[in-house]
């Protein structure tokens, strides 16, 4: 599906990168794009679980950390991971609506 997806370094997943309006793609291409996206989308919850495990480890470190600058760094890292999780859920849910629309 080269040309229809681009790897997002921050989220560590491929995201749709459609250069045309959806209706401008022929039905076969739409189905291929949708199939590929559903495979990616299906892996998003696993990616979120990985990030939640990292957050839990950092929170455990934070609870034992007495060095203020290090605590700030851990807090910042946790916030960034939480932001990534939020963005992943947005992609997961937003494209669920797209998938439903396309199937009808």
PDB file of N, CA and C in Angstrom:
ATOM      1  N   UNK A   1       0.828  -1.189   0.000  1.00  0.00           N
ATOM      2  CA  UNK A   1       0.000   0.000   0.000  1.00  0.00           C
ATOM      3  C   UNK A   1       0.869   1.249   0.000  1.00  0.00           C
ATOM      4  N   UNK A   2       2.000   1.107  -0.633  1.00  0.00           N
ATOM      5  CA  UNK A   2       2.905   2.234  -0.746  1.00  0.00           C
ATOM      6  C   UNK A   2       2.181   3.413  -1.390  1.00  0.00           C
ATOM      7  N   UNK A   3       2.401   4.587  -0.843  1.00  0.00           N
ATOM      8  CA  UNK A   3       1.773   5.775  -1.381  1.00  0.00           C
ATOM      9  C   UNK A   3       0.459   6.130  -0.710  1.00  0.00           C
ATOM     10  N   UNK A   4      -0.105   5.200   0.040  1.00  0.00           N
ATOM     11  CA  UNK A   4      -1.371   5.467   0.717  1.00  0.00           C
ATOM     12  C   UNK A   4      -1.214   5.544   2.231  1.00  0.00           C
ATOM     13  N   UNK A   5      -0.020   5.196   2.723  1.00  0.00           N
ATOM     14  CA  UNK A   5       0.254   5.223   4.157  1.00  0.00           C
ATOM     15  C   UNK A   5       1.645   5.790   4.377  1.00  0.00           C
ATOM     16  N   UNK A   6       1.797   6.431   5.520  1.00  0.00           N
ATOM     17  CA  UNK A   6       3.099   7.003   5.881  1.00  0.00           C
ATOM     18  C   UNK A   6       3.369   6.635   7.339  1.00  0.00           C
ATOM     19  N   UNK A   7       4.631   6.291   7.625  1.00  0.00           N
ATOM     20  CA  UNK A   7       4.992   5.896   8.984  1.00  0.00           C
ATOM     21  C   UNK A   7       5.119   7.126   9.865  1.00  0.00           C
ATOM     22  N   UNK A   8       4.427   7.110  10.983  1.00  0.00           N
ATOM     23  CA  UNK A   8       4.492   8.200  11.951  1.00  0.00           C
ATOM     24  C   UNK A   8       5.506   7.804  13.030  1.00  0.00           C
ATOM     25  N   UNK A   9       6.621   8.515  13.071  1.00  0.00           N
ATOM     26  CA  UNK A   9       7.700   8.198  14.014  1.00  0.00           C
ATOM     27  C   UNK A   9       7.248   8.314  15.473  1.00  0.00           C
ATOM     28  N   UNK A  10       6.413   9.287  15.749  1.00  0.00           N
ATOM     29  CA  UNK A  10       5.965   9.507  17.125  1.00  0.00           C
ATOM     30  C   UNK A  10       5.038   8.391  17.597  1.00  0.00           C
ATOM     31  N   UNK A  11       4.094   8.005  16.751  1.00  0.00           N
ATOM     32  CA  UNK A  11       3.122   6.985  17.131  1.00  0.00           C
ATOM     33  C   UNK A  11       3.626   5.565  16.873  1.00  0.00           C
ATOM     34  N   UNK A  12       4.621   5.451  16.017  1.00  0.00           N
ATOM     35  CA  UNK A  12       5.213   4.162  15.627  1.00  0.00           C
ATOM     36  C   UNK A  12       4.215   3.250  14.915  1.00  0.00           C
ATOM     37  N   UNK A  13       3.358   3.850  14.104  1.00  0.00           N
ATOM     38  CA  UNK A  13       2.435   3.100  13.258  1.00  0.00           C
ATOM     39  C   UNK A  13       2.326   3.815  11.906  1.00  0.00           C
ATOM     40  N   UNK A  14       1.822   3.101  10.915  1.00  0.00           N
ATOM     41  CA  UNK A  14       1.532   3.713   9.630  1.00  0.00           C
ATOM     42  C   UNK A  14       0.163   4.363   9.703  1.00  0.00           C
ATOM     43  N   UNK A  15       0.050   5.555   9.122  1.00  0.00           N
ATOM     44  CA  UNK A  15      -1.207   6.293   9.093  1.00  0.00           C
ATOM     45  C   UNK A  15      -1.617   6.532   7.645  1.00  0.00           C
ATOM     46  N   UNK A  16      -2.917   6.602   7.401  1.00  0.00           N
ATOM     47  CA  UNK A  16      -3.369   6.888   6.040  1.00  0.00           C
ATOM     48  C   UNK A  16      -2.819   8.225   5.558  1.00  0.00           C
ATOM     49  N   UNK A  17      -2.403   8.242   4.326  1.00  0.00           N
ATOM     50  CA  UNK A  17      -1.891   9.456   3.692  1.00  0.00           C
ATOM     51  C   UNK A  17      -2.459   9.492   2.282  1.00  0.00           C
ATOM     52  N   UNK A  18      -3.757   9.782   2.219  1.00  0.00           N
ATOM     53  CA  UNK A  18      -4.465   9.735   0.946  1.00  0.00           C
ATOM     54  C   UNK A  18      -4.330  11.063   0.220  1.00  0.00           C
ATOM     55  N   UNK A  19      -3.870  10.997  -1.006  1.00  0.00           N
ATOM     56  CA  UNK A  19      -3.638  12.213  -1.781  1.00  0.00           C
ATOM     57  C   UNK A  19      -4.888  12.664  -2.536  1.00  0.00           C
ATOM     58  N   UNK A  20      -5.898  11.802  -2.566  1.00  0.00           N
ATOM     59  CA  UNK A  20      -7.132  12.120  -3.281  1.00  0.00           C
ATOM     60  C   UNK A  20      -8.321  11.976  -2.331  1.00  0.00           C
ATOM     61  N   UNK A  21      -9.450  12.522  -2.727  1.00  0.00           N
ATOM     62  CA  UNK A  21     -10.678  12.286  -1.979  1.00  0.00           C
ATOM     63  C   UNK A  21     -11.012  10.802  -2.078  1.00  0.00           C
ATOM     64  N   UNK A  22     -11.615  10.277  -1.022  1.00  0.00           N
ATOM     65  CA  UNK A  22     -11.924   8.851  -0.956  1.00  0.00           C
ATOM     66  C   UNK A  22     -12.716   8.384  -2.185  1.00  0.00           C
ATOM     67  N   UNK A  23     -13.692   9.159  -2.599  1.00  0.00           N
ATOM     68  CA  UNK A  23     -14.547   8.774  -3.720  1.00  0.00           C
ATOM     69  C   UNK A  23     -13.811   8.768  -5.055  1.00  0.00           C
ATOM     70  N   UNK A  24     -12.641   9.376  -5.110  1.00  0.00           N
ATOM     71  CA  UNK A  24     -11.867   9.393  -6.352  1.00  0.00           C
ATOM     72  C   UNK A  24     -11.082   8.095  -6.566  1.00  0.00           C
ATOM     73  N   UNK A  25     -10.962   7.279  -5.523  1.00  0.00           N
ATOM     74  CA  UNK A  25     -10.301   5.982  -5.662  1.00  0.00           C
ATOM     75  C   UNK A  25     -11.304   4.962  -6.190  1.00  0.00           C
ATOM     76  N   UNK A  26     -10.836   4.061  -7.044  1.00  0.00           N
ATOM     77  CA  UNK A  26     -11.755   3.024  -7.516  1.00  0.00           C
ATOM     78  C   UNK A  26     -12.044   2.046  -6.373  1.00  0.00           C
ATOM     79  N   UNK A  27     -13.063   1.249  -6.544  1.00  0.00           N
ATOM     80  CA  UNK A  27     -13.524   0.374  -5.457  1.00  0.00           C
ATOM     81  C   UNK A  27     -12.446  -0.613  -5.014  1.00  0.00           C
ATOM     82  N   UNK A  28     -11.690  -1.145  -5.948  1.00  0.00           N
ATOM     83  CA  UNK A  28     -10.640  -2.099  -5.601  1.00  0.00           C
ATOM     84  C   UNK A  28      -9.569  -1.436  -4.723  1.00  0.00           C
ATOM     85  N   UNK A  29      -9.156  -0.240  -5.106  1.00  0.00           N
ATOM     86  CA  UNK A  29      -8.159   0.491  -4.321  1.00  0.00           C
ATOM     87  C   UNK A  29      -8.715   0.834  -2.944  1.00  0.00           C
ATOM     88  N   UNK A  30      -9.970   1.261  -2.891  1.00  0.00           N
ATOM     89  CA  UNK A  30     -10.603   1.543  -1.598  1.00  0.00           C
ATOM     90  C   UNK A  30     -10.550   0.318  -0.697  1.00  0.00           C
ATOM     91  N   UNK A  31     -10.886  -0.843  -1.257  1.00  0.00           N
ATOM     92  CA  UNK A  31     -10.903  -2.073  -0.467  1.00  0.00           C
ATOM     93  C   UNK A  31      -9.497  -2.440   0.010  1.00  0.00           C
ATOM     94  N   UNK A  32      -8.498  -2.248  -0.835  1.00  0.00           N
ATOM     95  CA  UNK A  32      -7.115  -2.543  -0.445  1.00  0.00           C
ATOM     96  C   UNK A  32      -6.659  -1.607   0.674  1.00  0.00           C
ATOM     97  N   UNK A  33      -6.962  -0.330   0.521  1.00  0.00           N
ATOM     98  CA  UNK A  33      -6.592   0.652   1.549  1.00  0.00           C
ATOM     99  C   UNK A  33      -7.288   0.310   2.856  1.00  0.00           C
ATOM    100  N   UNK A  34      -8.567   0.033   2.776  1.00  0.00           N
ATOM    101  CA  UNK A  34      -9.347  -0.285   3.969  1.00  0.00           C
ATOM    102  C   UNK A  34      -8.829  -1.547   4.651  1.00  0.00           C
ATOM    103  N   UNK A  35      -8.529  -2.577   3.870  1.00  0.00           N
ATOM    104  CA  UNK A  35      -8.010  -3.820   4.436  1.00  0.00           C
ATOM    105  C   UNK A  35      -6.685  -3.568   5.155  1.00  0.00           C
ATOM    106  N   UNK A  36      -5.806  -2.831   4.502  1.00  0.00           N
ATOM    107  CA  UNK A  36      -4.502  -2.520   5.107  1.00  0.00           C
ATOM    108  C   UNK A  36      -4.683  -1.703   6.386  1.00  0.00           C
ATOM    109  N   UNK A  37      -5.581  -0.713   6.347  1.00  0.00           N
ATOM    110  CA  UNK A  37      -5.810   0.109   7.522  1.00  0.00           C
ATOM    111  C   UNK A  37      -6.377  -0.725   8.671  1.00  0.00           C
ATOM    112  N   UNK A  38      -7.288  -1.635   8.380  1.00  0.00           N
ATOM    113  CA  UNK A  38      -7.877  -2.469   9.437  1.00  0.00           C
ATOM    114  C   UNK A  38      -6.816  -3.326  10.116  1.00  0.00           C
ATOM    115  N   UNK A  39      -5.820  -3.768   9.363  1.00  0.00           N
ATOM    116  CA  UNK A  39      -4.711  -4.514   9.966  1.00  0.00           C
ATOM    117  C   UNK A  39      -3.910  -3.620  10.910  1.00  0.00           C
ATOM    118  N   UNK A  40      -3.628  -2.412  10.469  1.00  0.00           N
ATOM    119  CA  UNK A  40      -2.895  -1.460  11.302  1.00  0.00           C
ATOM    120  C   UNK A  40      -3.726  -1.096  12.523  1.00  0.00           C
ATOM    121  N   UNK A  41      -4.978  -0.759  12.282  1.00  0.00           N
ATOM    122  CA  UNK A  41      -5.889  -0.338  13.348  1.00  0.00           C
ATOM    123  C   UNK A  41      -6.038  -1.431  14.409  1.00  0.00           C
ATOM    124  N   UNK A  42      -6.056  -2.678  13.965  1.00  0.00           N
ATOM    125  CA  UNK A  42      -6.188  -3.792  14.893  1.00  0.00           C
ATOM    126  C   UNK A  42      -5.009  -3.917  15.848  1.00  0.00           C
ATOM    127  N   UNK A  43      -3.864  -3.382  15.465  1.00  0.00           N
ATOM    128  CA  UNK A  43      -2.669  -3.448  16.308  1.00  0.00           C
ATOM    129  C   UNK A  43      -2.561  -2.264  17.270  1.00  0.00           C
ATOM    130  N   UNK A  44      -3.403  -1.254  17.103  1.00  0.00           N
ATOM    131  CA  UNK A  44      -3.312  -0.065  17.949  1.00  0.00           C
ATOM    132  C   UNK A  44      -3.517  -0.379  19.432  1.00  0.00           C
ATOM    133  N   UNK A  45      -4.510  -1.188  19.815  1.00  0.00           N
ATOM    134  CA  UNK A  45      -4.644  -1.488  21.249  1.00  0.00           C
ATOM    135  C   UNK A  45      -3.403  -2.154  21.851  1.00  0.00           C
ATOM    136  N   UNK A  46      -2.721  -3.007  21.068  1.00  0.00           N
ATOM    137  CA  UNK A  46      -1.480  -3.625  21.565  1.00  0.00           C
ATOM    138  C   UNK A  46      -0.389  -2.578  21.756  1.00  0.00           C
ATOM    139  N   UNK A  47      -0.318  -1.645  20.839  1.00  0.00           N
ATOM    140  CA  UNK A  47       0.667  -0.550  20.957  1.00  0.00           C
ATOM    141  C   UNK A  47       0.373   0.276  22.201  1.00  0.00           C
ATOM    142  N   UNK A  48      -0.902   0.527  22.459  1.00  0.00           N
ATOM    143  CA  UNK A  48      -1.295   1.287  23.646  1.00  0.00           C
ATOM    144  C   UNK A  48      -0.902   0.538  24.918  1.00  0.00           C
ATOM    145  N   UNK A  49      -1.115  -0.768  24.939  1.00  0.00           N
ATOM    146  CA  UNK A  49      -0.716  -1.562  26.112  1.00  0.00           C
ATOM    147  C   UNK A  49       0.791  -1.472  26.362  1.00  0.00           C
ATOM    148  N   UNK A  50       1.577  -1.517  25.291  1.00  0.00           N
ATOM    149  CA  UNK A  50       3.035  -1.374  25.428  1.00  0.00           C
ATOM    150  C   UNK A  50       3.384  -0.043  26.094  1.00  0.00           C
ATOM    151  N   UNK A  51       2.745   1.025  25.636  1.00  0.00           N
ATOM    152  CA  UNK A  51       3.026   2.351  26.181  1.00  0.00           C
ATOM    153  C   UNK A  51       2.556   2.462  27.621  1.00  0.00           C
ATOM    154  N   UNK A  52       1.428   1.841  27.948  1.00  0.00           N
ATOM    155  CA  UNK A  52       0.940   1.863  29.328  1.00  0.00           C
ATOM    156  C   UNK A  52       1.904   1.146  30.267  1.00  0.00           C
ATOM    157  N   UNK A  53       2.516   0.063  29.795  1.00  0.00           N
ATOM    158  CA  UNK A  53       3.514  -0.639  30.605  1.00  0.00           C
ATOM    159  C   UNK A  53       4.723   0.255  30.875  1.00  0.00           C
ATOM    160  N   UNK A  54       5.144   0.994  29.869  1.00  0.00           N
ATOM    161  CA  UNK A  54       6.270   1.921  30.043  1.00  0.00           C
ATOM    162  C   UNK A  54       5.890   3.012  31.044  1.00  0.00           C
ATOM    163  N   UNK A  55       4.676   3.534  30.920  1.00  0.00           N
ATOM    164  CA  UNK A  55       4.210   4.557  31.864  1.00  0.00           C
ATOM    165  C   UNK A  55       4.218   4.007  33.284  1.00  0.00           C
ATOM    166  N   UNK A  56       3.734   2.800  33.464  1.00  0.00           N
ATOM    167  CA  UNK A  56       3.702   2.196  34.805  1.00  0.00           C
ATOM    168  C   UNK A  56       5.105   2.071  35.396  1.00  0.00           C
ATOM    169  N   UNK A  57       6.068   1.692  34.574  1.00  0.00           N
ATOM    170  CA  UNK A  57       7.452   1.584  35.050  1.00  0.00           C
ATOM    171  C   UNK A  57       7.999   2.960  35.438  1.00  0.00           C
ATOM    172  N   UNK A  58       7.698   3.957  34.614  1.00  0.00           N
ATOM    173  CA  UNK A  58       8.176   5.312  34.907  1.00  0.00           C
ATOM    174  C   UNK A  58       7.492   5.873  36.161  1.00  0.00           C
ATOM    175  N   UNK A  59       6.223   5.558  36.346  1.00  0.00           N
ATOM    176  CA  UNK A  59       5.532   6.007  37.554  1.00  0.00           C
ATOM    177  C   UNK A  59       6.123   5.342  38.804  1.00  0.00           C
ATOM    178  N   UNK A  60       6.511   4.086  38.687  1.00  0.00           N
ATOM    179  CA  UNK A  60       7.162   3.402  39.807  1.00  0.00           C
ATOM    180  C   UNK A  60       8.508   4.064  40.113  1.00  0.00           C
ATOM    181  N   UNK A  61       9.245   4.421  39.077  1.00  0.00           N
ATOM    182  CA  UNK A  61      10.508   5.129  39.276  1.00  0.00           C
ATOM    183  C   UNK A  61      10.262   6.488  39.927  1.00  0.00           C
ATOM    184  N   UNK A  62       9.211   7.147  39.478  1.00  0.00           N
ATOM    185  CA  UNK A  62       8.885   8.470  39.987  1.00  0.00           C
ATOM    186  C   UNK A  62       8.548   8.430  41.472  1.00  0.00           C
ATOM    187  N   UNK A  63       7.857   7.386  41.893  1.00  0.00           N
ATOM    188  CA  UNK A  63       7.463   7.297  43.306  1.00  0.00           C
ATOM    189  C   UNK A  63       8.669   7.113  44.226  1.00  0.00           C
ATOM    190  N   UNK A  64       9.769   6.594  43.675  1.00  0.00           N
ATOM    191  CA  UNK A  64      10.987   6.388  44.466  1.00  0.00           C
ATOM    192  C   UNK A  64      12.045   7.466  44.211  1.00  0.00           C
ATOM    193  N   UNK A  65      11.733   8.427  43.365  1.00  0.00           N
ATOM    194  CA  UNK A  65      12.733   9.423  42.964  1.00  0.00           C
ATOM    195  C   UNK A  65      12.736  10.610  43.922  1.00  0.00           C
ATOM    196  N   UNK A  66      13.927  10.937  44.432  1.00  0.00           N
ATOM    197  CA  UNK A  66      14.053  12.092  45.321  1.00  0.00           C
ATOM    198  C   UNK A  66      14.744  13.275  44.632  1.00  0.00           C
ATOM    199  N   UNK A  67      15.335  13.029  43.490  1.00  0.00           N
ATOM    200  CA  UNK A  67      16.016  14.076  42.737  1.00  0.00           C
ATOM    201  C   UNK A  67      14.975  14.853  41.918  1.00  0.00           C
ATOM    202  N   UNK A  68      14.805  16.140  42.239  1.00  0.00           N
ATOM    203  CA  UNK A  68      13.757  16.936  41.601  1.00  0.00           C
ATOM    204  C   UNK A  68      13.896  17.018  40.084  1.00  0.00           C
ATOM    205  N   UNK A  69      15.081  17.328  39.542  1.00  0.00           N
ATOM    206  CA  UNK A  69      15.207  17.378  38.078  1.00  0.00           C
ATOM    207  C   UNK A  69      14.852  16.037  37.412  1.00  0.00           C
ATOM    208  N   UNK A  70      15.267  14.950  38.034  1.00  0.00           N
ATOM    209  CA  UNK A  70      14.937  13.620  37.491  1.00  0.00           C
ATOM    210  C   UNK A  70      13.423  13.381  37.566  1.00  0.00           C
ATOM    211  N   UNK A  71      12.770  13.833  38.630  1.00  0.00           N
ATOM    212  CA  UNK A  71      11.318  13.714  38.764  1.00  0.00           C
ATOM    213  C   UNK A  71      10.614  14.496  37.655  1.00  0.00           C
ATOM    214  N   UNK A  72      11.122  15.667  37.373  1.00  0.00           N
ATOM    215  CA  UNK A  72      10.543  16.481  36.303  1.00  0.00           C
ATOM    216  C   UNK A  72      10.678  15.790  34.953  1.00  0.00           C
ATOM    217  N   UNK A  73      11.838  15.199  34.723  1.00  0.00           N
ATOM    218  CA  UNK A  73      12.072  14.483  33.472  1.00  0.00           C
ATOM    219  C   UNK A  73      11.109  13.302  33.342  1.00  0.00           C
ATOM    220  N   UNK A  74      10.968  12.517  34.411  1.00  0.00           N
ATOM    221  CA  UNK A  74      10.047  11.387  34.381  1.00  0.00           C
ATOM    222  C   UNK A  74       8.610  11.846  34.137  1.00  0.00           C
ATOM    223  N   UNK A  75       8.215  12.924  34.808  1.00  0.00           N
ATOM    224  CA  UNK A  75       6.871  13.472  34.596  1.00  0.00           C
ATOM    225  C   UNK A  75       6.665  13.874  33.146  1.00  0.00           C
ATOM    226  N   UNK A  76       7.656  14.497  32.569  1.00  0.00           N
ATOM    227  CA  UNK A  76       7.585  14.919  31.177  1.00  0.00           C
ATOM    228  C   UNK A  76       7.471  13.712  30.243  1.00  0.00           C
ATOM    229  N   UNK A  77       8.252  12.692  30.498  1.00  0.00           N
ATOM    230  CA  UNK A  77       8.205  11.476  29.682  1.00  0.00           C
ATOM    231  C   UNK A  77       6.846  10.787  29.798  1.00  0.00           C
ATOM    232  N   UNK A  78       6.306  10.742  31.004  1.00  0.00           N
ATOM    233  CA  UNK A  78       4.988  10.143  31.222  1.00  0.00           C
ATOM    234  C   UNK A  78       3.920  10.932  30.474  1.00  0.00           C
ATOM    235  N   UNK A  79       4.004  12.242  30.538  1.00  0.00           N
ATOM    236  CA  UNK A  79       3.028  13.087  29.835  1.00  0.00           C
ATOM    237  C   UNK A  79       3.098  12.868  28.326  1.00  0.00           C
ATOM    238  N   UNK A  80       4.299  12.753  27.781  1.00  0.00           N
ATOM    239  CA  UNK A  80       4.448  12.524  26.346  1.00  0.00           C
ATOM    240  C   UNK A  80       3.868  11.163  25.951  1.00  0.00           C
ATOM    241  N   UNK A  81       4.132  10.146  26.747  1.00  0.00           N
ATOM    242  CA  UNK A  81       3.576   8.819  26.451  1.00  0.00           C
ATOM    243  C   UNK A  81       2.048   8.835  26.529  1.00  0.00           C
ATOM    244  N   UNK A  82       1.517   9.539  27.506  1.00  0.00           N
ATOM    245  CA  UNK A  82       0.060   9.662  27.628  1.00  0.00           C
ATOM    246  C   UNK A  82      -0.522  10.392  26.417  1.00  0.00           C
ATOM    247  N   UNK A  83       0.180  11.379  25.926  1.00  0.00           N
ATOM    248  CA  UNK A  83      -0.256  12.113  24.741  1.00  0.00           C
ATOM    249  C   UNK A  83      -0.271  11.196  23.510  1.00  0.00           C
ATOM    250  N   UNK A  84       0.732  10.356  23.393  1.00  0.00           N
ATOM    251  CA  UNK A  84       0.792   9.403  22.284  1.00  0.00           C
ATOM    252  C   UNK A  84      -0.384   8.437  22.363  1.00  0.00           C
ATOM    253  N   UNK A  85      -0.658   7.942  23.574  1.00  0.00           N
ATOM    254  CA  UNK A  85      -1.799   7.040  23.762  1.00  0.00           C
ATOM    255  C   UNK A  85      -3.094   7.733  23.342  1.00  0.00           C
ATOM    256  N   UNK A  86      -3.255   8.965  23.752  1.00  0.00           N
ATOM    257  CA  UNK A  86      -4.455   9.720  23.375  1.00  0.00           C
ATOM    258  C   UNK A  86      -4.580   9.825  21.853  1.00  0.00           C
ATOM    259  N   UNK A  87      -3.486  10.149  21.179  1.00  0.00           N
ATOM    260  CA  UNK A  87      -3.513  10.260  19.719  1.00  0.00           C
ATOM    261  C   UNK A  87      -3.822   8.918  19.061  1.00  0.00           C
ATOM    262  N   UNK A  88      -3.273   7.840  19.610  1.00  0.00           N
ATOM    263  CA  UNK A  88      -3.570   6.520  19.066  1.00  0.00           C
ATOM    264  C   UNK A  88      -5.055   6.190  19.193  1.00  0.00           C
ATOM    265  N   UNK A  89      -5.642   6.506  20.356  1.00  0.00           N
ATOM    266  CA  UNK A  89      -7.081   6.258  20.525  1.00  0.00           C
ATOM    267  C   UNK A  89      -7.904   7.105  19.552  1.00  0.00           C
ATOM    268  N   UNK A  90      -7.470   8.324  19.307  1.00  0.00           N
ATOM    269  CA  UNK A  90      -8.178   9.179  18.346  1.00  0.00           C
ATOM    270  C   UNK A  90      -8.152   8.525  16.964  1.00  0.00           C
ATOM    271  N   UNK A  91      -6.994   8.057  16.539  1.00  0.00           N
ATOM    272  CA  UNK A  91      -6.904   7.389  15.240  1.00  0.00           C
ATOM    273  C   UNK A  91      -7.747   6.126  15.218  1.00  0.00           C
ATOM    274  N   UNK A  92      -7.713   5.379  16.291  1.00  0.00           N
ATOM    275  CA  UNK A  92      -8.477   4.130  16.361  1.00  0.00           C
ATOM    276  C   UNK A  92      -9.972   4.400  16.222  1.00  0.00           C
ATOM    277  N   UNK A  93     -10.454   5.405  16.938  1.00  0.00           N
ATOM    278  CA  UNK A  93     -11.886   5.701  16.921  1.00  0.00           C
ATOM    279  C   UNK A  93     -12.322   6.459  15.670  1.00  0.00           C
ATOM    280  N   UNK A  94     -11.542   7.411  15.245  1.00  0.00           N
ATOM    281  CA  UNK A  94     -11.913   8.222  14.075  1.00  0.00           C
ATOM    282  C   UNK A  94     -12.029   7.347  12.840  1.00  0.00           C
ATOM    283  N   UNK A  95     -11.145   6.442  12.687  1.00  0.00           N
ATOM    284  CA  UNK A  95     -11.161   5.607  11.502  1.00  0.00           C
ATOM    285  C   UNK A  95     -12.121   4.437  11.620  1.00  0.00           C
ATOM    286  N   UNK A  96     -12.612   4.178  12.829  1.00  0.00           N
ATOM    287  CA  UNK A  96     -13.684   3.206  12.997  1.00  0.00           C
ATOM    288  C   UNK A  96     -14.936   3.752  12.313  1.00  0.00           C
ATOM    289  N   UNK A  97     -15.153   5.042  12.468  1.00  0.00           N
ATOM    290  CA  UNK A  97     -16.281   5.701  11.810  1.00  0.00           C
ATOM    291  C   UNK A  97     -16.114   5.626  10.294  1.00  0.00           C
ATOM    292  N   UNK A  98     -14.911   5.872   9.810  1.00  0.00           N
ATOM    293  CA  UNK A  98     -14.631   5.791   8.378  1.00  0.00           C
ATOM    294  C   UNK A  98     -14.888   4.376   7.876  1.00  0.00           C
ATOM    295  N   UNK A  99     -14.418   3.380   8.613  1.00  0.00           N
ATOM    296  CA  UNK A  99     -14.601   1.995   8.202  1.00  0.00           C
ATOM    297  C   UNK A  99     -16.069   1.643   8.098  1.00  0.00           C
ATOM    298  N   UNK A 100     -16.852   2.088   9.065  1.00  0.00           N
ATOM    299  CA  UNK A 100     -18.279   1.814   9.060  1.00  0.00           C
ATOM    300  C   UNK A 100     -18.926   2.481   7.856  1.00  0.00           C
ATOM    301  N   UNK A 101     -18.551   3.716   7.591  1.00  0.00           N
ATOM    302  CA  UNK A 101     -19.120   4.467   6.474  1.00  0.00           C
ATOM    303  C   UNK A 101     -18.803   3.785   5.141  1.00  0.00           C
ATOM    304  N   UNK A 102     -17.587   3.309   5.014  1.00  0.00           N
ATOM    305  CA  UNK A 102     -17.161   2.702   3.769  1.00  0.00           C
ATOM    306  C   UNK A 102     -17.889   1.381   3.528  1.00  0.00           C
ATOM    307  N   UNK A 103     -18.153   0.633   4.576  1.00  0.00           N
ATOM    308  CA  UNK A 103     -18.814  -0.666   4.430  1.00  0.00           C
ATOM    309  C   UNK A 103     -20.286  -0.526   4.052  1.00  0.00           C
ATOM    310  N   UNK A 104     -20.848   0.658   4.208  1.00  0.00           N
ATOM    311  CA  UNK A 104     -22.277   0.826   3.892  1.00  0.00           C
ATOM    312  C   UNK A 104     -22.510   1.291   2.499  1.00  0.00           C
TER     313      UNK A 104
END
